[in-house]
PDB file of N, CA and C in Angstrom:
ATOM      1  N   MET A   1     -95.989 -12.234  19.825  1.00  0.00           N
ATOM      2  CA  MET A   1     -95.204 -12.485  21.031  1.00  0.00           C
ATOM      3  C   MET A   1     -95.285 -11.306  21.974  1.00  0.00           C
ATOM      4  N   ARG A   2     -95.301 -10.112  21.432  1.00  0.00           N
ATOM      5  CA  ARG A   2     -95.391  -8.916  22.282  1.00  0.00           C
ATOM      6  C   ARG A   2     -96.682  -8.942  23.101  1.00  0.00           C
ATOM      7  N   THR A   3     -97.779  -9.339  22.496  1.00  0.00           N
ATOM      8  CA  THR A   3     -99.055  -9.405  23.208  1.00  0.00           C
ATOM      9  C   THR A   3     -98.982 -10.411  24.352  1.00  0.00           C
ATOM     10  N   ILE A   4     -98.403 -11.582  24.093  1.00  0.00           N
ATOM     11  CA  ILE A   4     -98.257 -12.587  25.143  1.00  0.00           C
ATOM     12  C   ILE A   4     -97.378 -12.042  26.266  1.00  0.00           C
ATOM     13  N   ALA A   5     -96.251 -11.450  25.899  1.00  0.00           N
ATOM     14  CA  ALA A   5     -95.299 -10.948  26.899  1.00  0.00           C
ATOM     15  C   ALA A   5     -95.917  -9.863  27.776  1.00  0.00           C
ATOM     16  N   THR A   6     -96.628  -8.927  27.176  1.00  0.00           N
ATOM     17  CA  THR A   6     -97.167  -7.812  27.960  1.00  0.00           C
ATOM     18  C   THR A   6     -98.469  -8.160  28.671  1.00  0.00           C
ATOM     19  N   ASP A   7     -99.372  -8.850  27.978  1.00  0.00           N
ATOM     20  CA  ASP A   7    -100.683  -9.128  28.572  1.00  0.00           C
ATOM     21  C   ASP A   7    -100.685 -10.326  29.523  1.00  0.00           C
ATOM     22  N   VAL A   8     -99.879 -11.331  29.237  1.00  0.00           N
ATOM     23  CA  VAL A   8     -99.866 -12.537  30.066  1.00  0.00           C
ATOM     24  C   VAL A   8     -98.755 -12.488  31.112  1.00  0.00           C
ATOM     25  N   TYR A   9     -97.541 -12.128  30.674  1.00  0.00           N
ATOM     26  CA  TYR A   9     -96.384 -12.187  31.562  1.00  0.00           C
ATOM     27  C   TYR A   9     -96.056 -10.866  32.268  1.00  0.00           C
ATOM     28  N   GLY A  10     -96.800  -9.805  31.988  1.00  0.00           N
ATOM     29  CA  GLY A  10     -96.585  -8.533  32.668  1.00  0.00           C
ATOM     30  C   GLY A  10     -95.308  -7.815  32.273  1.00  0.00           C
ATOM     31  N   ALA A  11     -94.773  -8.126  31.110  1.00  0.00           N
ATOM     32  CA  ALA A  11     -93.530  -7.506  30.643  1.00  0.00           C
ATOM     33  C   ALA A  11     -93.775  -6.100  30.126  1.00  0.00           C
ATOM     34  N   ALA A  12     -92.720  -5.308  30.140  1.00  0.00           N
ATOM     35  CA  ALA A  12     -92.791  -3.987  29.530  1.00  0.00           C
ATOM     36  C   ALA A  12     -92.737  -4.109  28.011  1.00  0.00           C
ATOM     37  N   ASP A  13     -91.929  -5.054  27.526  1.00  0.00           N
ATOM     38  CA  ASP A  13     -91.767  -5.249  26.089  1.00  0.00           C
ATOM     39  C   ASP A  13     -90.965  -6.523  25.838  1.00  0.00           C
ATOM     40  N   ILE A  14     -90.705  -6.791  24.568  1.00  0.00           N
ATOM     41  CA  ILE A  14     -89.865  -7.913  24.181  1.00  0.00           C
ATOM     42  C   ILE A  14     -88.582  -7.386  23.552  1.00  0.00           C
ATOM     43  N   ALA A  15     -87.564  -8.246  23.531  1.00  0.00           N
ATOM     44  CA  ALA A  15     -86.305  -7.916  22.868  1.00  0.00           C
ATOM     45  C   ALA A  15     -85.892  -9.101  22.025  1.00  0.00           C
ATOM     46  N   ALA A  16     -85.412  -8.819  20.825  1.00  0.00           N
ATOM     47  CA  ALA A  16     -84.935  -9.873  19.926  1.00  0.00           C
ATOM     48  C   ALA A  16     -83.845  -9.289  19.049  1.00  0.00           C
ATOM     49  N   ASP A  17     -82.740 -10.022  18.917  1.00  0.00           N
ATOM     50  CA  ASP A  17     -81.654  -9.508  18.089  1.00  0.00           C
ATOM     51  C   ASP A  17     -82.012  -9.650  16.603  1.00  0.00           C
ATOM     52  N   ALA A  18     -81.132  -9.171  15.749  1.00  0.00           N
ATOM     53  CA  ALA A  18     -81.394  -9.157  14.309  1.00  0.00           C
ATOM     54  C   ALA A  18     -81.600 -10.563  13.753  1.00  0.00           C
ATOM     55  N   LYS A  19     -80.861 -11.539  14.264  1.00  0.00           N
ATOM     56  CA  LYS A  19     -81.000 -12.918  13.789  1.00  0.00           C
ATOM     57  C   LYS A  19     -82.407 -13.443  14.054  1.00  0.00           C
ATOM     58  N   VAL A  20     -82.926 -13.186  15.247  1.00  0.00           N
ATOM     59  CA  VAL A  20     -84.273 -13.656  15.603  1.00  0.00           C
ATOM     60  C   VAL A  20     -85.319 -12.924  14.764  1.00  0.00           C
ATOM     61  N   ARG A  21     -85.170 -11.634  14.594  1.00  0.00           N
ATOM     62  CA  ARG A  21     -86.124 -10.876  13.766  1.00  0.00           C
ATOM     63  C   ARG A  21     -86.117 -11.393  12.326  1.00  0.00           C
ATOM     64  N   ARG A  22     -84.934 -11.756  11.822  1.00  0.00           N
ATOM     65  CA  ARG A  22     -84.823 -12.327  10.476  1.00  0.00           C
ATOM     66  C   ARG A  22     -85.531 -13.683  10.420  1.00  0.00           C
ATOM     67  N   GLN A  23     -85.381 -14.519  11.456  1.00  0.00           N
ATOM     68  CA  GLN A  23     -86.069 -15.814  11.506  1.00  0.00           C
ATOM     69  C   GLN A  23     -87.582 -15.622  11.457  1.00  0.00           C
ATOM     70  N   ILE A  24     -88.065 -14.654  12.204  1.00  0.00           N
ATOM     71  CA  ILE A  24     -89.504 -14.386  12.233  1.00  0.00           C
ATOM     72  C   ILE A  24     -89.991 -13.935  10.858  1.00  0.00           C
ATOM     73  N   ARG A  25     -89.255 -13.033  10.221  1.00  0.00           N
ATOM     74  CA  ARG A  25     -89.621 -12.580   8.870  1.00  0.00           C
ATOM     75  C   ARG A  25     -89.649 -13.748   7.884  1.00  0.00           C
ATOM     76  N   GLU A  26     -88.636 -14.618   7.961  1.00  0.00           N
ATOM     77  CA  GLU A  26     -88.583 -15.774   7.061  1.00  0.00           C
ATOM     78  C   GLU A  26     -89.766 -16.710   7.281  1.00  0.00           C
ATOM     79  N   LEU A  27     -90.150 -16.919   8.527  1.00  0.00           N
ATOM     80  CA  LEU A  27     -91.318 -17.761   8.815  1.00  0.00           C
ATOM     81  C   LEU A  27     -92.587 -17.134   8.256  1.00  0.00           C
ATOM     82  N   GLN A  28     -92.730 -15.830   8.421  1.00  0.00           N
ATOM     83  CA  GLN A  28     -93.908 -15.143   7.884  1.00  0.00           C
ATOM     84  C   GLN A  28     -93.927 -15.218   6.357  1.00  0.00           C
ATOM     85  N   ASP A  29     -92.771 -14.964   5.734  1.00  0.00           N
ATOM     86  CA  ASP A  29     -92.681 -15.005   4.276  1.00  0.00           C
ATOM     87  C   ASP A  29     -92.929 -16.408   3.720  1.00  0.00           C
ATOM     88  N   SER A  30     -92.642 -17.428   4.514  1.00  0.00           N
ATOM     89  CA  SER A  30     -92.835 -18.814   4.085  1.00  0.00           C
ATOM     90  C   SER A  30     -94.250 -19.321   4.344  1.00  0.00           C
ATOM     91  N   GLY A  31     -95.117 -18.467   4.868  1.00  0.00           N
ATOM     92  CA  GLY A  31     -96.510 -18.844   5.067  1.00  0.00           C
ATOM     93  C   GLY A  31     -96.861 -19.385   6.434  1.00  0.00           C
ATOM     94  N   TYR A  32     -95.945 -19.244   7.406  1.00  0.00           N
ATOM     95  CA  TYR A  32     -96.202 -19.770   8.744  1.00  0.00           C
ATOM     96  C   TYR A  32     -96.637 -18.687   9.741  1.00  0.00           C
ATOM     97  N   GLY A  33     -96.818 -17.492   9.278  1.00  0.00           N
ATOM     98  CA  GLY A  33     -97.146 -16.379  10.162  1.00  0.00           C
ATOM     99  C   GLY A  33     -98.459 -16.515  10.902  1.00  0.00           C
ATOM    100  N   HIS A  34     -99.344 -17.372  10.437  1.00  0.00           N
ATOM    101  CA  HIS A  34    -100.646 -17.549  11.096  1.00  0.00           C
ATOM    102  C   HIS A  34    -100.603 -18.612  12.196  1.00  0.00           C
ATOM    103  N   PHE A  35     -99.481 -19.342  12.334  1.00  0.00           N
ATOM    104  CA  PHE A  35     -99.378 -20.382  13.359  1.00  0.00           C
ATOM    105  C   PHE A  35     -99.409 -19.772  14.753  1.00  0.00           C
ATOM    106  N   PRO A  36    -100.015 -20.470  15.708  1.00  0.00           N
ATOM    107  CA  PRO A  36    -100.000 -19.984  17.093  1.00  0.00           C
ATOM    108  C   PRO A  36     -98.578 -20.036  17.665  1.00  0.00           C
ATOM    109  N   ILE A  37     -98.376 -19.272  18.726  1.00  0.00           N
ATOM    110  CA  ILE A  37     -97.071 -19.166  19.376  1.00  0.00           C
ATOM    111  C   ILE A  37     -97.045 -20.026  20.631  1.00  0.00           C
ATOM    112  N   CYS A  38     -95.962 -20.780  20.787  1.00  0.00           N
ATOM    113  CA  CYS A  38     -95.678 -21.522  22.007  1.00  0.00           C
ATOM    114  C   CYS A  38     -94.454 -20.864  22.630  1.00  0.00           C
ATOM    115  N   VAL A  39     -94.511 -20.577  23.924  1.00  0.00           N
ATOM    116  CA  VAL A  39     -93.406 -19.902  24.595  1.00  0.00           C
ATOM    117  C   VAL A  39     -92.644 -20.890  25.465  1.00  0.00           C
ATOM    118  N   ALA A  40     -91.344 -20.997  25.231  1.00  0.00           N
ATOM    119  CA  ALA A  40     -90.469 -21.837  26.053  1.00  0.00           C
ATOM    120  C   ALA A  40     -89.631 -20.892  26.909  1.00  0.00           C
ATOM    121  N   LYS A  41     -89.873 -20.912  28.218  1.00  0.00           N
ATOM    122  CA  LYS A  41     -89.148 -20.050  29.155  1.00  0.00           C
ATOM    123  C   LYS A  41     -89.135 -20.709  30.520  1.00  0.00           C
ATOM    124  N   THR A  42     -88.467 -20.113  31.459  1.00  0.00           N
ATOM    125  CA  THR A  42     -88.391 -20.693  32.796  1.00  0.00           C
ATOM    126  C   THR A  42     -89.778 -20.845  33.416  1.00  0.00           C
ATOM    127  N   GLN A  43     -89.968 -21.915  34.157  1.00  0.00           N
ATOM    128  CA  GLN A  43     -91.254 -22.121  34.835  1.00  0.00           C
ATOM    129  C   GLN A  43     -91.301 -21.408  36.182  1.00  0.00           C
ATOM    130  N   TYR A  44     -90.184 -20.845  36.621  1.00  0.00           N
ATOM    131  CA  TYR A  44     -90.111 -20.247  37.951  1.00  0.00           C
ATOM    132  C   TYR A  44     -90.597 -18.802  38.013  1.00  0.00           C
ATOM    133  N   SER A  45     -90.775 -18.165  36.868  1.00  0.00           N
ATOM    134  CA  SER A  45     -91.124 -16.752  36.858  1.00  0.00           C
ATOM    135  C   SER A  45     -91.899 -16.415  35.595  1.00  0.00           C
ATOM    136  N   PHE A  46     -92.694 -15.355  35.655  1.00  0.00           N
ATOM    137  CA  PHE A  46     -93.331 -14.852  34.448  1.00  0.00           C
ATOM    138  C   PHE A  46     -92.311 -14.136  33.574  1.00  0.00           C
ATOM    139  N   SER A  47     -91.159 -13.808  34.130  1.00  0.00           N
ATOM    140  CA  SER A  47     -90.083 -13.211  33.344  1.00  0.00           C
ATOM    141  C   SER A  47     -89.272 -14.337  32.710  1.00  0.00           C
ATOM    142  N   THR A  48     -88.193 -13.979  32.027  1.00  0.00           N
ATOM    143  CA  THR A  48     -87.294 -14.989  31.479  1.00  0.00           C
ATOM    144  C   THR A  48     -86.105 -15.224  32.409  1.00  0.00           C
ATOM    145  N   ASP A  49     -86.138 -14.633  33.587  1.00  0.00           N
ATOM    146  CA  ASP A  49     -85.078 -14.766  34.583  1.00  0.00           C
ATOM    147  C   ASP A  49     -85.598 -15.603  35.743  1.00  0.00           C
ATOM    148  N   ALA A  50     -85.050 -16.798  35.924  1.00  0.00           N
ATOM    149  CA  ALA A  50     -85.517 -17.702  36.975  1.00  0.00           C
ATOM    150  C   ALA A  50     -85.347 -17.110  38.368  1.00  0.00           C
ATOM    151  N   ALA A  51     -84.429 -16.149  38.525  1.00  0.00           N
ATOM    152  CA  ALA A  51     -84.205 -15.528  39.830  1.00  0.00           C
ATOM    153  C   ALA A  51     -85.316 -14.546  40.200  1.00  0.00           C
ATOM    154  N   LEU A  52     -86.057 -14.055  39.238  1.00  0.00           N
ATOM    155  CA  LEU A  52     -87.199 -13.166  39.500  1.00  0.00           C
ATOM    156  C   LEU A  52     -88.431 -14.027  39.709  1.00  0.00           C
ATOM    157  N   ARG A  53     -88.561 -14.581  40.879  1.00  0.00           N
ATOM    158  CA  ARG A  53     -89.641 -15.529  41.181  1.00  0.00           C
ATOM    159  C   ARG A  53     -91.015 -14.874  41.097  1.00  0.00           C
ATOM    160  N   GLY A  54     -92.002 -15.695  40.785  1.00  0.00           N
ATOM    161  CA  GLY A  54     -93.386 -15.251  40.800  1.00  0.00           C
ATOM    162  C   GLY A  54     -93.787 -14.468  39.568  1.00  0.00           C
ATOM    163  N   ALA A  55     -94.470 -13.367  39.812  1.00  0.00           N
ATOM    164  CA  ALA A  55     -95.038 -12.574  38.718  1.00  0.00           C
ATOM    165  C   ALA A  55     -94.544 -11.135  38.755  1.00  0.00           C
ATOM    166  N   PRO A  56     -93.266 -10.911  38.459  1.00  0.00           N
ATOM    167  CA  PRO A  56     -92.770  -9.538  38.418  1.00  0.00           C
ATOM    168  C   PRO A  56     -93.388  -8.789  37.234  1.00  0.00           C
ATOM    169  N   SER A  57     -93.319  -7.491  37.261  1.00  0.00           N
ATOM    170  CA  SER A  57     -93.849  -6.711  36.139  1.00  0.00           C
ATOM    171  C   SER A  57     -92.784  -5.724  35.664  1.00  0.00           C
ATOM    172  N   GLY A  58     -92.957  -5.269  34.436  1.00  0.00           N
ATOM    173  CA  GLY A  58     -92.059  -4.275  33.876  1.00  0.00           C
ATOM    174  C   GLY A  58     -90.748  -4.817  33.342  1.00  0.00           C
ATOM    175  N   HIS A  59     -90.584  -6.118  33.266  1.00  0.00           N
ATOM    176  CA  HIS A  59     -89.344  -6.732  32.783  1.00  0.00           C
ATOM    177  C   HIS A  59     -89.371  -6.862  31.266  1.00  0.00           C
ATOM    178  N   MET A  60     -88.236  -7.226  30.697  1.00  0.00           N
ATOM    179  CA  MET A  60     -88.132  -7.482  29.261  1.00  0.00           C
ATOM    180  C   MET A  60     -88.138  -8.992  29.033  1.00  0.00           C
ATOM    181  N   VAL A  61     -88.877  -9.446  28.058  1.00  0.00           N
ATOM    182  CA  VAL A  61     -88.838 -10.840  27.645  1.00  0.00           C
ATOM    183  C   VAL A  61     -87.911 -10.906  26.431  1.00  0.00           C
ATOM    184  N   THR A  62     -86.786 -11.585  26.608  1.00  0.00           N
ATOM    185  CA  THR A  62     -85.801 -11.691  25.542  1.00  0.00           C
ATOM    186  C   THR A  62     -86.017 -12.975  24.760  1.00  0.00           C
ATOM    187  N   ILE A  63     -86.262 -12.841  23.474  1.00  0.00           N
ATOM    188  CA  ILE A  63     -86.446 -13.993  22.601  1.00  0.00           C
ATOM    189  C   ILE A  63     -85.064 -14.395  22.089  1.00  0.00           C
ATOM    190  N   ARG A  64     -84.626 -15.566  22.468  1.00  0.00           N
ATOM    191  CA  ARG A  64     -83.295 -16.047  22.104  1.00  0.00           C
ATOM    192  C   ARG A  64     -83.287 -16.745  20.745  1.00  0.00           C
ATOM    193  N   GLU A  65     -84.402 -17.401  20.423  1.00  0.00           N
ATOM    194  CA  GLU A  65     -84.455 -18.222  19.213  1.00  0.00           C
ATOM    195  C   GLU A  65     -85.910 -18.445  18.832  1.00  0.00           C
ATOM    196  N   VAL A  66     -86.143 -18.700  17.559  1.00  0.00           N
ATOM    197  CA  VAL A  66     -87.472 -19.039  17.063  1.00  0.00           C
ATOM    198  C   VAL A  66     -87.367 -20.375  16.345  1.00  0.00           C
ATOM    199  N   ARG A  67     -88.265 -21.299  16.671  1.00  0.00           N
ATOM    200  CA  ARG A  67     -88.263 -22.624  16.040  1.00  0.00           C
ATOM    201  C   ARG A  67     -89.625 -22.911  15.433  1.00  0.00           C
ATOM    202  N   LEU A  68     -89.615 -23.502  14.276  1.00  0.00           N
ATOM    203  CA  LEU A  68     -90.844 -23.917  13.614  1.00  0.00           C
ATOM    204  C   LEU A  68     -91.148 -25.361  13.964  1.00  0.00           C
ATOM    205  N   ALA A  69     -92.354 -25.613  14.440  1.00  0.00           N
ATOM    206  CA  ALA A  69     -92.856 -26.970  14.644  1.00  0.00           C
ATOM    207  C   ALA A  69     -93.949 -27.154  13.592  1.00  0.00           C
ATOM    208  N   ALA A  70     -93.526 -27.404  12.361  1.00  0.00           N
ATOM    209  CA  ALA A  70     -94.447 -27.425  11.223  1.00  0.00           C
ATOM    210  C   ALA A  70     -95.506 -28.507  11.359  1.00  0.00           C
ATOM    211  N   GLY A  71     -95.129 -29.698  11.812  1.00  0.00           N
ATOM    212  CA  GLY A  71     -96.100 -30.778  11.957  1.00  0.00           C
ATOM    213  C   GLY A  71     -97.157 -30.473  12.999  1.00  0.00           C
ATOM    214  N   ALA A  72     -96.741 -29.878  14.107  1.00  0.00           N
ATOM    215  CA  ALA A  72     -97.667 -29.515  15.176  1.00  0.00           C
ATOM    216  C   ALA A  72     -98.367 -28.191  14.879  1.00  0.00           C
ATOM    217  N   GLU A  73     -97.880 -27.479  13.884  1.00  0.00           N
ATOM    218  CA  GLU A  73     -98.420 -26.190  13.445  1.00  0.00           C
ATOM    219  C   GLU A  73     -98.363 -25.116  14.521  1.00  0.00           C
ATOM    220  N   PHE A  74     -97.176 -24.908  15.066  1.00  0.00           N
ATOM    221  CA  PHE A  74     -96.954 -23.763  15.938  1.00  0.00           C
ATOM    222  C   PHE A  74     -95.506 -23.315  15.841  1.00  0.00           C
ATOM    223  N   ILE A  75     -95.249 -22.126  16.334  1.00  0.00           N
ATOM    224  CA  ILE A  75     -93.918 -21.539  16.350  1.00  0.00           C
ATOM    225  C   ILE A  75     -93.493 -21.418  17.803  1.00  0.00           C
ATOM    226  N   VAL A  76     -92.284 -21.872  18.105  1.00  0.00           N
ATOM    227  CA  VAL A  76     -91.768 -21.824  19.472  1.00  0.00           C
ATOM    228  C   VAL A  76     -90.837 -20.628  19.605  1.00  0.00           C
ATOM    229  N   MET A  77     -91.150 -19.764  20.548  1.00  0.00           N
ATOM    230  CA  MET A  77     -90.279 -18.652  20.902  1.00  0.00           C
ATOM    231  C   MET A  77     -89.483 -19.097  22.119  1.00  0.00           C
ATOM    232  N   VAL A  78     -88.195 -19.345  21.947  1.00  0.00           N
ATOM    233  CA  VAL A  78     -87.333 -19.777  23.041  1.00  0.00           C
ATOM    234  C   VAL A  78     -86.808 -18.521  23.729  1.00  0.00           C
ATOM    235  N   CYS A  79     -87.133 -18.381  25.011  1.00  0.00           N
ATOM    236  CA  CYS A  79     -86.825 -17.154  25.744  1.00  0.00           C
ATOM    237  C   CYS A  79     -85.901 -17.423  26.925  1.00  0.00           C
ATOM    238  N   GLY A  80     -84.908 -16.570  27.090  1.00  0.00           N
ATOM    239  CA  GLY A  80     -84.014 -16.694  28.229  1.00  0.00           C
ATOM    240  C   GLY A  80     -83.133 -17.919  28.140  1.00  0.00           C
ATOM    241  N   ASP A  81     -82.588 -18.303  29.284  1.00  0.00           N
ATOM    242  CA  ASP A  81     -81.653 -19.425  29.370  1.00  0.00           C
ATOM    243  C   ASP A  81     -82.416 -20.665  29.804  1.00  0.00           C
ATOM    244  N   ILE A  82     -82.849 -21.463  28.849  1.00  0.00           N
ATOM    245  CA  ILE A  82     -83.668 -22.629  29.147  1.00  0.00           C
ATOM    246  C   ILE A  82     -83.335 -23.766  28.188  1.00  0.00           C
ATOM    247  N   MET A  83     -83.415 -24.984  28.701  1.00  0.00           N
ATOM    248  CA  MET A  83     -83.312 -26.170  27.845  1.00  0.00           C
ATOM    249  C   MET A  83     -84.719 -26.510  27.372  1.00  0.00           C
ATOM    250  N   THR A  84     -84.840 -26.971  26.165  1.00  0.00           N
ATOM    251  CA  THR A  84     -86.175 -27.255  25.632  1.00  0.00           C
ATOM    252  C   THR A  84     -86.438 -28.749  25.467  1.00  0.00           C
ATOM    253  N   MET A  85     -85.847 -29.550  26.313  1.00  0.00           N
ATOM    254  CA  MET A  85     -86.118 -30.990  26.295  1.00  0.00           C
ATOM    255  C   MET A  85     -87.088 -31.286  27.435  1.00  0.00           C
ATOM    256  N   PRO A  86     -88.388 -31.255  27.176  1.00  0.00           N
ATOM    257  CA  PRO A  86     -89.380 -31.361  28.249  1.00  0.00           C
ATOM    258  C   PRO A  86     -89.357 -32.692  28.975  1.00  0.00           C
ATOM    259  N   GLY A  87     -89.587 -32.624  30.258  1.00  0.00           N
ATOM    260  CA  GLY A  87     -89.746 -33.820  31.057  1.00  0.00           C
ATOM    261  C   GLY A  87     -88.460 -34.485  31.501  1.00  0.00           C
ATOM    262  N   LEU A  88     -87.336 -33.924  31.189  1.00  0.00           N
ATOM    263  CA  LEU A  88     -86.080 -34.548  31.589  1.00  0.00           C
ATOM    264  C   LEU A  88     -85.613 -33.996  32.933  1.00  0.00           C
ATOM    265  N   PRO A  89     -85.097 -34.869  33.788  1.00  0.00           N
ATOM    266  CA  PRO A  89     -84.595 -34.405  35.085  1.00  0.00           C
ATOM    267  C   PRO A  89     -83.236 -33.722  34.930  1.00  0.00           C
ATOM    268  N   LYS A  90     -82.801 -33.023  35.980  1.00  0.00           N
ATOM    269  CA  LYS A  90     -81.494 -32.386  35.941  1.00  0.00           C
ATOM    270  C   LYS A  90     -80.373 -33.408  35.872  1.00  0.00           C
ATOM    271  N   VAL A  91     -80.572 -34.565  36.513  1.00  0.00           N
ATOM    272  CA  VAL A  91     -79.580 -35.645  36.494  1.00  0.00           C
ATOM    273  C   VAL A  91     -80.188 -36.809  35.718  1.00  0.00           C
ATOM    274  N   PRO A  92     -79.591 -37.201  34.591  1.00  0.00           N
ATOM    275  CA  PRO A  92     -80.177 -38.286  33.808  1.00  0.00           C
ATOM    276  C   PRO A  92     -80.128 -39.629  34.541  1.00  0.00           C
ATOM    277  N   SER A  93     -81.088 -40.469  34.263  1.00  0.00           N
ATOM    278  CA  SER A  93     -81.165 -41.789  34.890  1.00  0.00           C
ATOM    279  C   SER A  93     -79.953 -42.645  34.572  1.00  0.00           C
ATOM    280  N   SER A  94     -79.329 -42.377  33.444  1.00  0.00           N
ATOM    281  CA  SER A  94     -78.154 -43.167  33.063  1.00  0.00           C
ATOM    282  C   SER A  94     -77.022 -43.040  34.073  1.00  0.00           C
ATOM    283  N   ASN A  95     -77.053 -42.004  34.897  1.00  0.00           N
ATOM    284  CA  ASN A  95     -76.019 -41.836  35.926  1.00  0.00           C
ATOM    285  C   ASN A  95     -76.070 -42.920  36.999  1.00  0.00           C
ATOM    286  N   VAL A  96     -77.213 -43.608  37.158  1.00  0.00           N
ATOM    287  CA  VAL A  96     -77.326 -44.626  38.204  1.00  0.00           C
ATOM    288  C   VAL A  96     -77.427 -46.043  37.641  1.00  0.00           C
ATOM    289  N   ILE A  97     -77.329 -46.191  36.326  1.00  0.00           N
ATOM    290  CA  ILE A  97     -77.377 -47.523  35.715  1.00  0.00           C
ATOM    291  C   ILE A  97     -75.965 -48.098  35.716  1.00  0.00           C
ATOM    292  N   ASP A  98     -75.861 -49.359  36.103  1.00  0.00           N
ATOM    293  CA  ASP A  98     -74.549 -50.003  36.198  1.00  0.00           C
ATOM    294  C   ASP A  98     -74.725 -51.505  36.028  1.00  0.00           C
ATOM    295  N   VAL A  99     -73.618 -52.198  35.988  1.00  0.00           N
ATOM    296  CA  VAL A  99     -73.614 -53.658  35.946  1.00  0.00           C
ATOM    297  C   VAL A  99     -72.957 -54.143  37.233  1.00  0.00           C
ATOM    298  N   SER A 100     -73.664 -55.003  37.949  1.00  0.00           N
ATOM    299  CA  SER A 100     -73.131 -55.524  39.227  1.00  0.00           C
ATOM    300  C   SER A 100     -71.998 -56.513  38.965  1.00  0.00           C
ATOM    301  N   ALA A 101     -71.339 -56.929  40.047  1.00  0.00           N
ATOM    302  CA  ALA A 101     -70.215 -57.870  39.948  1.00  0.00           C
ATOM    303  C   ALA A 101     -70.631 -59.202  39.343  1.00  0.00           C
ATOM    304  N   ASP A 102     -71.908 -59.586  39.528  1.00  0.00           N
ATOM    305  CA  ASP A 102     -72.368 -60.863  38.973  1.00  0.00           C
ATOM    306  C   ASP A 102     -73.014 -60.693  37.585  1.00  0.00           C
ATOM    307  N   GLY A 103     -72.827 -59.535  36.957  1.00  0.00           N
ATOM    308  CA  GLY A 103     -73.299 -59.325  35.589  1.00  0.00           C
ATOM    309  C   GLY A 103     -74.727 -58.859  35.440  1.00  0.00           C
ATOM    310  N   GLN A 104     -75.398 -58.505  36.555  1.00  0.00           N
ATOM    311  CA  GLN A 104     -76.780 -58.032  36.505  1.00  0.00           C
ATOM    312  C   GLN A 104     -76.815 -56.516  36.300  1.00  0.00           C
ATOM    313  N   ILE A 105     -77.718 -56.065  35.443  1.00  0.00           N
ATOM    314  CA  ILE A 105     -77.921 -54.620  35.238  1.00  0.00           C
ATOM    315  C   ILE A 105     -78.719 -54.090  36.409  1.00  0.00           C
ATOM    316  N   VAL A 106     -78.229 -53.018  37.039  1.00  0.00           N
ATOM    317  CA  VAL A 106     -78.924 -52.407  38.171  1.00  0.00           C
ATOM    318  C   VAL A 106     -79.178 -50.929  37.864  1.00  0.00           C
ATOM    319  N   GLY A 107     -80.213 -50.392  38.512  1.00  0.00           N
ATOM    320  CA  GLY A 107     -80.520 -48.969  38.387  1.00  0.00           C
ATOM    321  C   GLY A 107     -81.480 -48.594  37.275  1.00  0.00           C
ATOM    322  N   LEU A 108     -82.079 -49.594  36.619  1.00  0.00           N
ATOM    323  CA  LEU A 108     -83.029 -49.273  35.542  1.00  0.00           C
ATOM    324  C   LEU A 108     -84.366 -48.782  36.070  1.00  0.00           C
ATOM    325  N   PHE A 109     -84.805 -49.336  37.193  1.00  0.00           N
ATOM    326  CA  PHE A 109     -86.136 -48.959  37.698  1.00  0.00           C
ATOM    327  C   PHE A 109     -86.078 -48.606  39.161  1.00  0.00           C
TER     328      PHE A 109
END
């Protein structure tokens, strides 16, 4: 992760609390240490801060959580404040689905 953060994202370094470091050790000890890394972070910046638009340099990439995707054979490093449900809009479609006065479902498409 440090290589990705510094070489790709222009970070000075990475930060991870003891819980995350323990998760990484457990994954390595369980035989998953060779899996490639997938990074989940804001799409607005190379940093983990969406307010730092573009490609800032010298920032810290904070690893919030580590997840194993054993079937896909990769490890997800969840960085910063991000939701990891890909492809979902900020407002769910269910907010516009309703039943009209004559009993017809509206707002599905």
